[in-house]
Amino acid sequence: MKFAYADPPYPGQAKRLYGDHPDYAGEVNHAELIEHLVRDYPDGWALSTSALALPDVLTMCPTGVRIAAWHKNNAPPIRTTGRWIWAWEPLIVAGGRQKRYETPDVYDAISCRQPQSFPGMKSPVFTRWMLALLGATPADTIDDLFGGSGLVAEEIKIFNHQPVMPLFEVDGVQSRYVDRRPGRRHHAFKTRG
């Protein structure tokens, strides 16, 4: 399958955060971006945005998208309106691989650290969570559309090169095994064979 992750400058934030960068080209047209995602990534895609911009961005999305929440447990709170302090970011997810028996469940919310060296940077933990929400496997193609720090692309590269556990068949049932202790095999997941 072919997936995409888009982490553009959030609406209304591009000039403030990236105006002094040599490749700054103004605000991202989110309507065009979402059209591109829908057209070129029918298997699925994920889009990061801000909590403040979420209502407007959702009006541009097709029906059926899901919203997941990333709580940045070390990020300095950003006060944007009145007494509200935003400490989370939404992740909009469209499509993705349907759940199979051998894939573990994944929560629609995560709490993890945000790297502090680059505005908007996403951690490896965030990236793995986003890939799990899409149901991505190491055999899939995952395009990082806004390279930024390069950390997401690096984690995708590591993910794509991880070994896949082999399937074993026991009494007509395919099972994956995980060695937890030397000399022992334990069922990790089961699928009907």
N, C-alpha and C. Protein backbone atom coordinates (compact mmCIF):
# COMPACT_ATOMS: atom_id res chain seq x y z
N MET A 1 0.84 -1.18 0.00
CA MET A 1 0.00 0.00 0.00
C MET A 1 0.88 1.24 0.00
N LYS A 2 0.30 2.35 -0.38
CA LYS A 2 1.03 3.62 -0.45
C LYS A 2 0.32 4.65 0.42
N PHE A 3 1.05 5.17 1.41
CA PHE A 3 0.51 6.14 2.35
C PHE A 3 1.31 7.43 2.29
N ALA A 4 0.72 8.50 2.85
CA ALA A 4 1.43 9.77 2.96
C ALA A 4 1.21 10.36 4.35
N TYR A 5 2.23 11.07 4.82
CA TYR A 5 2.10 11.86 6.03
C TYR A 5 2.42 13.30 5.66
N ALA A 6 1.55 14.23 6.03
CA ALA A 6 1.74 15.65 5.75
C ALA A 6 1.77 16.41 7.07
N ASP A 7 2.85 17.13 7.29
CA ASP A 7 3.00 17.98 8.47
C ASP A 7 3.40 19.37 8.01
N PRO A 8 2.47 20.06 7.34
CA PRO A 8 2.79 21.40 6.84
C PRO A 8 2.76 22.42 7.97
N PRO A 9 3.28 23.62 7.71
CA PRO A 9 3.06 24.69 8.69
C PRO A 9 1.54 24.83 8.90
N TYR A 10 1.15 24.94 10.14
CA TYR A 10 -0.28 24.99 10.43
C TYR A 10 -0.88 26.31 9.97
N PRO A 11 -2.16 26.31 9.61
CA PRO A 11 -2.78 27.53 9.09
C PRO A 11 -2.54 28.75 9.97
N GLY A 12 -2.09 29.82 9.35
CA GLY A 12 -1.84 31.07 10.07
C GLY A 12 -0.51 31.13 10.81
N GLN A 13 0.31 30.06 10.74
CA GLN A 13 1.55 30.02 11.50
C GLN A 13 2.81 30.05 10.63
N ALA A 14 2.65 29.91 9.33
CA ALA A 14 3.81 29.75 8.45
C ALA A 14 4.79 30.93 8.53
N LYS A 15 4.29 32.15 8.40
CA LYS A 15 5.19 33.31 8.40
C LYS A 15 5.86 33.48 9.76
N ARG A 16 5.10 33.33 10.84
CA ARG A 16 5.66 33.51 12.19
C ARG A 16 6.76 32.50 12.48
N LEU A 17 6.55 31.25 12.09
CA LEU A 17 7.52 30.20 12.43
C LEU A 17 8.61 30.00 11.38
N TYR A 18 8.29 30.23 10.11
CA TYR A 18 9.23 29.87 9.05
C TYR A 18 9.53 31.01 8.08
N GLY A 19 9.06 32.23 8.37
CA GLY A 19 9.25 33.35 7.47
C GLY A 19 10.69 33.68 7.16
N ASP A 20 11.63 33.37 8.08
CA ASP A 20 13.04 33.69 7.84
C ASP A 20 13.81 32.54 7.19
N HIS A 21 13.13 31.43 6.88
CA HIS A 21 13.80 30.31 6.21
C HIS A 21 13.94 30.63 4.73
N PRO A 22 15.05 30.22 4.10
CA PRO A 22 15.27 30.54 2.69
C PRO A 22 14.25 29.91 1.74
N ASP A 23 13.62 28.80 2.15
CA ASP A 23 12.64 28.14 1.27
C ASP A 23 11.20 28.52 1.59
N TYR A 24 11.02 29.56 2.40
CA TYR A 24 9.67 29.99 2.77
C TYR A 24 8.91 30.46 1.53
N ALA A 25 7.70 29.91 1.35
CA ALA A 25 6.91 30.25 0.17
C ALA A 25 5.51 30.70 0.53
N GLY A 26 5.31 31.15 1.75
CA GLY A 26 3.99 31.61 2.17
C GLY A 26 3.17 30.51 2.82
N GLU A 27 1.90 30.83 3.05
CA GLU A 27 0.99 29.87 3.68
C GLU A 27 0.74 28.67 2.77
N VAL A 28 0.59 27.52 3.37
CA VAL A 28 0.24 26.31 2.62
C VAL A 28 -1.26 26.36 2.32
N ASN A 29 -1.62 26.08 1.09
CA ASN A 29 -3.02 26.01 0.70
C ASN A 29 -3.53 24.63 1.12
N HIS A 30 -4.21 24.57 2.26
CA HIS A 30 -4.65 23.28 2.80
C HIS A 30 -5.71 22.61 1.94
N ALA A 31 -6.54 23.38 1.26
CA ALA A 31 -7.54 22.78 0.37
C ALA A 31 -6.85 22.01 -0.76
N GLU A 32 -5.83 22.62 -1.36
CA GLU A 32 -5.08 21.95 -2.42
C GLU A 32 -4.32 20.75 -1.88
N LEU A 33 -3.73 20.89 -0.69
CA LEU A 33 -3.00 19.79 -0.07
C LEU A 33 -3.92 18.59 0.16
N ILE A 34 -5.09 18.83 0.70
CA ILE A 34 -6.02 17.73 0.98
C ILE A 34 -6.51 17.10 -0.32
N GLU A 35 -6.76 17.91 -1.34
CA GLU A 35 -7.13 17.35 -2.66
C GLU A 35 -6.03 16.43 -3.18
N HIS A 36 -4.78 16.86 -3.01
CA HIS A 36 -3.63 16.04 -3.43
C HIS A 36 -3.58 14.73 -2.65
N LEU A 37 -3.79 14.78 -1.36
CA LEU A 37 -3.76 13.58 -0.53
C LEU A 37 -4.86 12.60 -0.95
N VAL A 38 -6.06 13.12 -1.14
CA VAL A 38 -7.20 12.27 -1.53
C VAL A 38 -6.96 11.65 -2.90
N ARG A 39 -6.47 12.44 -3.83
CA ARG A 39 -6.28 11.97 -5.21
C ARG A 39 -5.11 10.99 -5.33
N ASP A 40 -3.96 11.32 -4.71
CA ASP A 40 -2.75 10.54 -4.95
C ASP A 40 -2.45 9.48 -3.90
N TYR A 41 -3.20 9.47 -2.81
CA TYR A 41 -2.97 8.49 -1.75
C TYR A 41 -4.30 7.87 -1.32
N PRO A 42 -4.97 7.16 -2.24
CA PRO A 42 -6.27 6.57 -1.89
C PRO A 42 -6.19 5.48 -0.83
N ASP A 43 -5.00 4.88 -0.64
CA ASP A 43 -4.86 3.86 0.41
C ASP A 43 -4.96 4.47 1.81
N GLY A 44 -4.50 5.71 1.95
CA GLY A 44 -4.59 6.38 3.24
C GLY A 44 -3.54 7.45 3.42
N TRP A 45 -3.82 8.35 4.34
CA TRP A 45 -2.91 9.45 4.64
C TRP A 45 -3.20 9.98 6.04
N ALA A 46 -2.21 10.71 6.57
CA ALA A 46 -2.36 11.37 7.87
C ALA A 46 -1.89 12.82 7.72
N LEU A 47 -2.58 13.72 8.40
CA LEU A 47 -2.30 15.15 8.31
C LEU A 47 -2.28 15.74 9.70
N SER A 48 -1.16 16.34 10.07
CA SER A 48 -1.06 17.05 11.35
C SER A 48 -1.55 18.48 11.18
N THR A 49 -2.22 18.97 12.22
CA THR A 49 -2.65 20.36 12.24
C THR A 49 -2.73 20.81 13.69
N SER A 50 -3.17 22.03 13.90
CA SER A 50 -3.28 22.54 15.27
C SER A 50 -4.72 22.39 15.76
N ALA A 51 -4.88 22.38 17.06
CA ALA A 51 -6.22 22.29 17.65
C ALA A 51 -7.06 23.51 17.25
N LEU A 52 -6.43 24.65 17.15
CA LEU A 52 -7.13 25.88 16.78
C LEU A 52 -7.62 25.83 15.33
N ALA A 53 -6.82 25.23 14.44
CA ALA A 53 -7.18 25.18 13.02
C ALA A 53 -8.06 23.99 12.67
N LEU A 54 -8.21 23.04 13.58
CA LEU A 54 -8.92 21.80 13.27
C LEU A 54 -10.31 22.00 12.68
N PRO A 55 -11.17 22.86 13.25
CA PRO A 55 -12.52 23.01 12.66
C PRO A 55 -12.49 23.43 11.19
N ASP A 56 -11.61 24.36 10.84
CA ASP A 56 -11.53 24.81 9.45
C ASP A 56 -10.94 23.74 8.53
N VAL A 57 -9.90 23.05 8.99
CA VAL A 57 -9.26 22.02 8.18
C VAL A 57 -10.23 20.86 7.94
N LEU A 58 -11.02 20.51 8.94
CA LEU A 58 -11.97 19.41 8.78
C LEU A 58 -13.01 19.69 7.70
N THR A 59 -13.38 20.95 7.51
CA THR A 59 -14.36 21.26 6.46
C THR A 59 -13.82 20.97 5.07
N MET A 60 -12.50 20.87 4.93
CA MET A 60 -11.88 20.57 3.64
C MET A 60 -11.67 19.07 3.42
N CYS A 61 -11.85 18.30 4.48
CA CYS A 61 -11.57 16.86 4.42
C CYS A 61 -12.79 16.08 3.94
N PRO A 62 -12.55 14.92 3.33
CA PRO A 62 -13.67 14.07 2.94
C PRO A 62 -14.34 13.48 4.18
N THR A 63 -15.57 13.02 4.02
CA THR A 63 -16.24 12.38 5.16
C THR A 63 -15.52 11.08 5.50
N GLY A 64 -15.61 10.69 6.74
CA GLY A 64 -15.01 9.43 7.17
C GLY A 64 -13.62 9.54 7.75
N VAL A 65 -13.03 10.75 7.76
CA VAL A 65 -11.71 10.86 8.39
C VAL A 65 -11.87 10.69 9.91
N ARG A 66 -10.79 10.27 10.55
CA ARG A 66 -10.78 10.10 12.00
C ARG A 66 -9.80 11.10 12.61
N ILE A 67 -10.05 11.45 13.85
CA ILE A 67 -9.19 12.40 14.56
C ILE A 67 -8.51 11.67 15.71
N ALA A 68 -7.19 11.76 15.75
CA ALA A 68 -6.41 11.22 16.85
C ALA A 68 -5.73 12.39 17.57
N ALA A 69 -5.36 12.18 18.82
CA ALA A 69 -4.81 13.27 19.63
C ALA A 69 -3.41 12.95 20.14
N TRP A 70 -2.50 13.88 19.92
CA TRP A 70 -1.13 13.78 20.44
C TRP A 70 -0.98 14.80 21.56
N HIS A 71 -0.80 14.30 22.78
CA HIS A 71 -0.52 15.17 23.92
C HIS A 71 0.99 15.32 24.04
N LYS A 72 1.46 16.55 23.89
CA LYS A 72 2.90 16.82 23.98
C LYS A 72 3.23 17.06 25.45
N ASN A 73 3.72 16.01 26.11
CA ASN A 73 3.87 16.07 27.57
C ASN A 73 5.08 16.87 28.05
N ASN A 74 5.87 17.41 27.15
CA ASN A 74 6.99 18.25 27.57
C ASN A 74 6.99 19.61 26.88
N ALA A 75 6.06 19.82 25.96
CA ALA A 75 6.06 21.06 25.20
C ALA A 75 5.57 22.22 26.05
N PRO A 76 6.18 23.39 25.89
CA PRO A 76 5.67 24.54 26.62
C PRO A 76 4.27 24.86 26.11
N PRO A 77 3.32 25.07 27.01
CA PRO A 77 1.96 25.37 26.57
C PRO A 77 1.92 26.64 25.72
N ILE A 78 1.06 26.63 24.73
CA ILE A 78 0.90 27.80 23.86
C ILE A 78 -0.45 28.42 24.16
N ARG A 79 -0.44 29.64 24.68
CA ARG A 79 -1.68 30.34 24.98
C ARG A 79 -2.11 31.09 23.72
N THR A 80 -3.27 30.70 23.20
CA THR A 80 -3.70 31.30 21.94
C THR A 80 -4.93 32.18 22.10
N THR A 81 -5.85 31.78 22.94
CA THR A 81 -7.06 32.59 23.11
C THR A 81 -7.47 32.56 24.57
N GLY A 82 -7.63 33.72 25.14
CA GLY A 82 -8.14 33.81 26.51
C GLY A 82 -7.37 32.94 27.49
N ARG A 83 -8.10 32.09 28.24
CA ARG A 83 -7.47 31.25 29.26
C ARG A 83 -7.06 29.89 28.73
N TRP A 84 -7.43 29.56 27.48
CA TRP A 84 -7.10 28.24 26.93
C TRP A 84 -5.61 28.09 26.69
N ILE A 85 -5.06 26.96 27.10
CA ILE A 85 -3.67 26.62 26.82
C ILE A 85 -3.69 25.31 26.03
N TRP A 86 -3.14 25.33 24.82
CA TRP A 86 -3.16 24.16 23.95
C TRP A 86 -1.93 23.29 24.22
N ALA A 87 -2.13 22.06 24.65
CA ALA A 87 -1.03 21.14 24.92
C ALA A 87 -1.17 19.85 24.10
N TRP A 88 -2.02 19.90 23.07
CA TRP A 88 -2.20 18.71 22.23
C TRP A 88 -2.32 19.14 20.77
N GLU A 89 -2.11 18.18 19.89
CA GLU A 89 -2.28 18.42 18.47
C GLU A 89 -3.12 17.30 17.87
N PRO A 90 -4.05 17.65 16.97
CA PRO A 90 -4.82 16.62 16.29
C PRO A 90 -4.04 16.04 15.11
N LEU A 91 -4.31 14.78 14.85
CA LEU A 91 -3.80 14.09 13.67
C LEU A 91 -5.02 13.57 12.92
N ILE A 92 -5.23 14.05 11.71
CA ILE A 92 -6.35 13.62 10.89
C ILE A 92 -5.89 12.41 10.08
N VAL A 93 -6.65 11.32 10.16
CA VAL A 93 -6.27 10.09 9.47
C VAL A 93 -7.39 9.67 8.53
N ALA A 94 -7.02 9.38 7.29
CA ALA A 94 -7.98 8.92 6.28
C ALA A 94 -7.53 7.56 5.77
N GLY A 95 -8.48 6.65 5.61
CA GLY A 95 -8.16 5.34 5.05
C GLY A 95 -7.27 4.53 5.96
N GLY A 96 -6.36 3.81 5.35
CA GLY A 96 -5.46 2.94 6.10
C GLY A 96 -5.84 1.48 5.93
N ARG A 97 -4.97 0.63 6.35
CA ARG A 97 -5.20 -0.82 6.25
C ARG A 97 -6.22 -1.24 7.29
N GLN A 98 -7.16 -2.06 6.86
CA GLN A 98 -8.16 -2.59 7.79
C GLN A 98 -7.49 -3.52 8.79
N LYS A 99 -8.02 -3.56 9.98
CA LYS A 99 -7.45 -4.40 11.04
C LYS A 99 -7.49 -5.87 10.64
N ARG A 100 -6.38 -6.52 10.89
CA ARG A 100 -6.29 -7.96 10.70
C ARG A 100 -6.00 -8.58 12.06
N TYR A 101 -6.18 -9.88 12.16
CA TYR A 101 -5.99 -10.54 13.44
C TYR A 101 -4.58 -10.36 13.99
N GLU A 102 -3.57 -10.33 13.09
CA GLU A 102 -2.19 -10.28 13.59
C GLU A 102 -1.71 -8.87 13.90
N THR A 103 -2.53 -7.85 13.69
CA THR A 103 -2.10 -6.49 14.01
C THR A 103 -2.63 -6.08 15.38
N PRO A 104 -1.75 -5.56 16.22
CA PRO A 104 -2.21 -5.14 17.55
C PRO A 104 -3.10 -3.90 17.47
N ASP A 105 -3.93 -3.73 18.48
CA ASP A 105 -4.77 -2.54 18.57
C ASP A 105 -3.90 -1.31 18.80
N VAL A 106 -4.41 -0.16 18.39
CA VAL A 106 -3.68 1.09 18.60
C VAL A 106 -4.68 2.13 19.12
N TYR A 107 -4.28 2.87 20.13
CA TYR A 107 -5.13 3.91 20.70
C TYR A 107 -5.18 5.14 19.80
N ASP A 108 -6.28 5.89 19.90
CA ASP A 108 -6.42 7.10 19.11
C ASP A 108 -5.81 8.32 19.79
N ALA A 109 -5.08 8.09 20.87
CA ALA A 109 -4.40 9.18 21.57
C ALA A 109 -3.06 8.67 22.08
N ILE A 110 -2.10 9.58 22.14
CA ILE A 110 -0.77 9.23 22.64
C ILE A 110 -0.23 10.42 23.41
N SER A 111 0.59 10.14 24.40
CA SER A 111 1.27 11.17 25.15
C SER A 111 2.76 10.87 25.08
N CYS A 112 3.50 11.76 24.43
CA CYS A 112 4.94 11.57 24.32
C CYS A 112 5.62 12.92 24.16
N ARG A 113 6.92 12.90 24.28
CA ARG A 113 7.71 14.13 24.23
C ARG A 113 7.78 14.68 22.80
N GLN A 114 7.92 15.98 22.71
CA GLN A 114 8.17 16.64 21.44
C GLN A 114 9.61 17.12 21.43
N PRO A 115 10.40 16.73 20.41
CA PRO A 115 11.77 17.27 20.33
C PRO A 115 11.72 18.79 20.28
N GLN A 116 12.68 19.43 20.93
CA GLN A 116 12.64 20.88 21.08
C GLN A 116 13.56 21.64 20.15
N SER A 117 14.31 20.94 19.28
CA SER A 117 15.34 21.63 18.51
C SER A 117 14.83 22.28 17.23
N PHE A 118 13.57 22.02 16.82
CA PHE A 118 13.06 22.54 15.55
C PHE A 118 11.56 22.73 15.71
N PRO A 119 11.00 23.87 15.32
CA PRO A 119 9.56 24.06 15.48
C PRO A 119 8.76 23.00 14.72
N GLY A 120 7.80 22.41 15.40
CA GLY A 120 6.93 21.43 14.78
C GLY A 120 7.50 20.04 14.64
N MET A 121 8.70 19.81 15.17
CA MET A 121 9.37 18.52 15.02
C MET A 121 8.56 17.41 15.69
N LYS A 122 8.50 16.24 15.04
CA LYS A 122 7.79 15.08 15.57
C LYS A 122 8.81 14.04 16.02
N SER A 123 8.51 13.34 17.10
CA SER A 123 9.43 12.35 17.66
C SER A 123 9.28 11.01 16.97
N PRO A 124 10.26 10.11 17.13
CA PRO A 124 10.12 8.75 16.60
C PRO A 124 8.90 8.03 17.18
N VAL A 125 8.56 8.26 18.44
CA VAL A 125 7.39 7.63 19.06
C VAL A 125 6.12 8.09 18.35
N PHE A 126 6.02 9.39 18.09
CA PHE A 126 4.87 9.93 17.34
C PHE A 126 4.78 9.27 15.96
N THR A 127 5.92 9.18 15.27
CA THR A 127 5.93 8.63 13.91
C THR A 127 5.46 7.18 13.91
N ARG A 128 5.94 6.36 14.86
CA ARG A 128 5.51 4.96 14.92
C ARG A 128 4.00 4.87 15.21
N TRP A 129 3.50 5.75 16.05
CA TRP A 129 2.07 5.78 16.37
C TRP A 129 1.26 6.14 15.13
N MET A 130 1.71 7.15 14.37
CA MET A 130 1.03 7.55 13.15
C MET A 130 1.01 6.39 12.15
N LEU A 131 2.12 5.69 12.02
CA LEU A 131 2.19 4.54 11.11
C LEU A 131 1.25 3.43 11.56
N ALA A 132 1.14 3.23 12.87
CA ALA A 132 0.23 2.21 13.40
C ALA A 132 -1.22 2.58 13.13
N LEU A 133 -1.55 3.87 13.26
CA LEU A 133 -2.92 4.32 12.95
C LEU A 133 -3.28 4.05 11.50
N LEU A 134 -2.31 4.17 10.60
CA LEU A 134 -2.54 3.88 9.19
C LEU A 134 -2.53 2.38 8.90
N GLY A 135 -2.03 1.59 9.86
CA GLY A 135 -1.90 0.15 9.63
C GLY A 135 -0.76 -0.17 8.69
N ALA A 136 0.23 0.70 8.63
CA ALA A 136 1.35 0.51 7.72
C ALA A 136 2.19 -0.70 8.12
N THR A 137 2.80 -1.33 7.12
CA THR A 137 3.74 -2.42 7.34
C THR A 137 5.07 -2.03 6.69
N PRO A 138 6.16 -2.72 7.03
CA PRO A 138 7.46 -2.38 6.42
C PRO A 138 7.47 -2.52 4.90
N ALA A 139 6.55 -3.27 4.33
CA ALA A 139 6.50 -3.43 2.87
C ALA A 139 5.81 -2.27 2.17
N ASP A 140 5.15 -1.39 2.91
CA ASP A 140 4.41 -0.27 2.32
C ASP A 140 5.33 0.88 1.96
N THR A 141 4.84 1.75 1.08
CA THR A 141 5.51 3.01 0.77
C THR A 141 4.84 4.10 1.60
N ILE A 142 5.66 4.86 2.32
CA ILE A 142 5.14 5.95 3.13
C ILE A 142 5.90 7.22 2.74
N ASP A 143 5.21 8.18 2.16
CA ASP A 143 5.84 9.43 1.72
C ASP A 143 5.67 10.50 2.79
N ASP A 144 6.78 11.13 3.18
CA ASP A 144 6.76 12.27 4.09
C ASP A 144 6.77 13.52 3.23
N LEU A 145 5.62 14.20 3.13
CA LEU A 145 5.47 15.29 2.16
C LEU A 145 6.11 16.60 2.59
N PHE A 146 6.33 16.80 3.87
CA PHE A 146 6.96 18.03 4.36
C PHE A 146 8.15 17.61 5.23
N GLY A 147 9.32 17.56 4.61
CA GLY A 147 10.51 17.00 5.25
C GLY A 147 10.92 17.64 6.56
N GLY A 148 10.81 18.93 6.68
CA GLY A 148 11.17 19.60 7.93
C GLY A 148 12.54 19.19 8.45
N SER A 149 12.57 18.63 9.65
CA SER A 149 13.82 18.25 10.30
C SER A 149 14.41 16.96 9.73
N GLY A 150 13.60 16.18 9.03
CA GLY A 150 14.07 14.90 8.51
C GLY A 150 13.88 13.74 9.46
N LEU A 151 13.41 14.02 10.68
CA LEU A 151 13.27 12.98 11.70
C LEU A 151 12.17 11.98 11.35
N VAL A 152 11.05 12.44 10.78
CA VAL A 152 9.98 11.52 10.39
C VAL A 152 10.46 10.60 9.27
N ALA A 153 11.11 11.17 8.25
CA ALA A 153 11.62 10.35 7.14
C ALA A 153 12.63 9.33 7.63
N GLU A 154 13.47 9.71 8.58
CA GLU A 154 14.47 8.77 9.12
C GLU A 154 13.79 7.63 9.86
N GLU A 155 12.75 7.94 10.63
CA GLU A 155 12.03 6.88 11.36
C GLU A 155 11.27 5.97 10.40
N ILE A 156 10.72 6.54 9.32
CA ILE A 156 10.05 5.72 8.30
C ILE A 156 11.06 4.77 7.66
N LYS A 157 12.26 5.26 7.39
CA LYS A 157 13.31 4.43 6.79
C LYS A 157 13.66 3.26 7.73
N ILE A 158 13.79 3.54 9.01
CA ILE A 158 14.07 2.49 9.99
C ILE A 158 12.92 1.49 10.03
N PHE A 159 11.70 2.00 10.04
CA PHE A 159 10.50 1.16 10.06
C PHE A 159 10.46 0.24 8.83
N ASN A 160 10.77 0.78 7.66
CA ASN A 160 10.72 -0.01 6.43
C ASN A 160 11.80 -1.08 6.36
N HIS A 161 12.84 -0.96 7.16
CA HIS A 161 13.92 -1.94 7.13
C HIS A 161 13.90 -2.90 8.32
N GLN A 162 12.84 -2.85 9.12
CA GLN A 162 12.78 -3.76 10.26
C GLN A 162 12.37 -5.15 9.78
N PRO A 163 12.86 -6.19 10.44
CA PRO A 163 12.48 -7.53 10.01
C PRO A 163 11.02 -7.83 10.34
N VAL A 164 10.41 -8.66 9.51
CA VAL A 164 9.04 -9.10 9.73
C VAL A 164 9.09 -10.51 10.30
N MET A 165 8.34 -10.75 11.37
CA MET A 165 8.33 -12.07 11.99
C MET A 165 7.68 -13.08 11.06
N PRO A 166 8.25 -14.28 10.94
CA PRO A 166 7.66 -15.28 10.05
C PRO A 166 6.38 -15.87 10.63
N LEU A 167 5.57 -16.42 9.73
CA LEU A 167 4.36 -17.13 10.14
C LEU A 167 4.66 -18.61 10.33
N PHE A 168 4.09 -19.21 11.34
CA PHE A 168 4.17 -20.64 11.58
C PHE A 168 2.75 -21.18 11.54
N GLU A 169 2.58 -22.40 11.07
CA GLU A 169 1.25 -22.99 11.04
C GLU A 169 1.18 -24.12 12.07
N VAL A 170 0.16 -24.04 12.94
CA VAL A 170 -0.07 -25.05 13.96
C VAL A 170 -1.52 -25.47 13.88
N ASP A 171 -1.79 -26.72 13.55
CA ASP A 171 -3.15 -27.25 13.45
C ASP A 171 -4.05 -26.38 12.57
N GLY A 172 -3.54 -25.94 11.41
CA GLY A 172 -4.35 -25.17 10.48
C GLY A 172 -4.53 -23.71 10.83
N VAL A 173 -3.89 -23.24 11.91
CA VAL A 173 -3.98 -21.84 12.32
C VAL A 173 -2.61 -21.21 12.16
N GLN A 174 -2.55 -20.08 11.41
CA GLN A 174 -1.29 -19.39 11.27
C GLN A 174 -1.05 -18.55 12.50
N SER A 175 0.16 -18.62 13.05
CA SER A 175 0.50 -17.89 14.26
C SER A 175 1.86 -17.23 14.09
N ARG A 176 2.03 -16.11 14.71
CA ARG A 176 3.35 -15.49 14.82
C ARG A 176 3.84 -15.74 16.23
N TYR A 177 5.12 -16.05 16.36
CA TYR A 177 5.68 -16.35 17.67
C TYR A 177 6.68 -15.28 18.07
N VAL A 178 6.75 -15.03 19.35
CA VAL A 178 7.73 -14.11 19.90
C VAL A 178 8.53 -14.87 20.94
N ASP A 179 9.85 -14.88 20.81
CA ASP A 179 10.69 -15.54 21.82
C ASP A 179 10.85 -14.59 22.99
N ARG A 180 10.23 -14.92 24.12
CA ARG A 180 10.34 -14.06 25.30
C ARG A 180 11.40 -14.58 26.26
N ARG A 181 11.63 -15.89 26.26
CA ARG A 181 12.67 -16.49 27.09
C ARG A 181 13.43 -17.48 26.22
N PRO A 182 14.70 -17.69 26.52
CA PRO A 182 15.46 -18.64 25.72
C PRO A 182 14.78 -20.00 25.67
N GLY A 183 14.66 -20.55 24.46
CA GLY A 183 14.10 -21.88 24.31
C GLY A 183 12.59 -21.95 24.37
N ARG A 184 11.90 -20.82 24.51
CA ARG A 184 10.44 -20.82 24.62
C ARG A 184 9.83 -20.07 23.45
N ARG A 185 8.68 -20.55 22.98
CA ARG A 185 7.91 -19.83 21.97
C ARG A 185 6.56 -19.50 22.56
N HIS A 186 6.11 -18.29 22.32
CA HIS A 186 4.82 -17.85 22.83
C HIS A 186 4.01 -17.27 21.69
N HIS A 187 2.70 -17.55 21.68
CA HIS A 187 1.84 -16.95 20.65
C HIS A 187 1.78 -15.44 20.86
N ALA A 188 1.99 -14.70 19.80
CA ALA A 188 1.82 -13.25 19.86
C ALA A 188 0.50 -12.86 19.23
N PHE A 189 0.21 -13.38 18.07
CA PHE A 189 -1.03 -13.08 17.37
C PHE A 189 -1.49 -14.34 16.66
N LYS A 190 -2.77 -14.45 16.38
CA LYS A 190 -3.28 -15.59 15.63
C LYS A 190 -4.15 -15.09 14.49
N THR A 191 -4.08 -15.80 13.38
CA THR A 191 -4.99 -15.52 12.28
C THR A 191 -5.56 -16.84 11.81
N ARG A 192 -6.75 -16.80 11.27
CA ARG A 192 -7.32 -18.00 10.69
C ARG A 192 -6.59 -18.33 9.41
N GLY A 193 -6.14 -19.57 9.26
CA GLY A 193 -5.37 -19.97 8.08
C GLY A 193 -6.23 -20.46 6.96
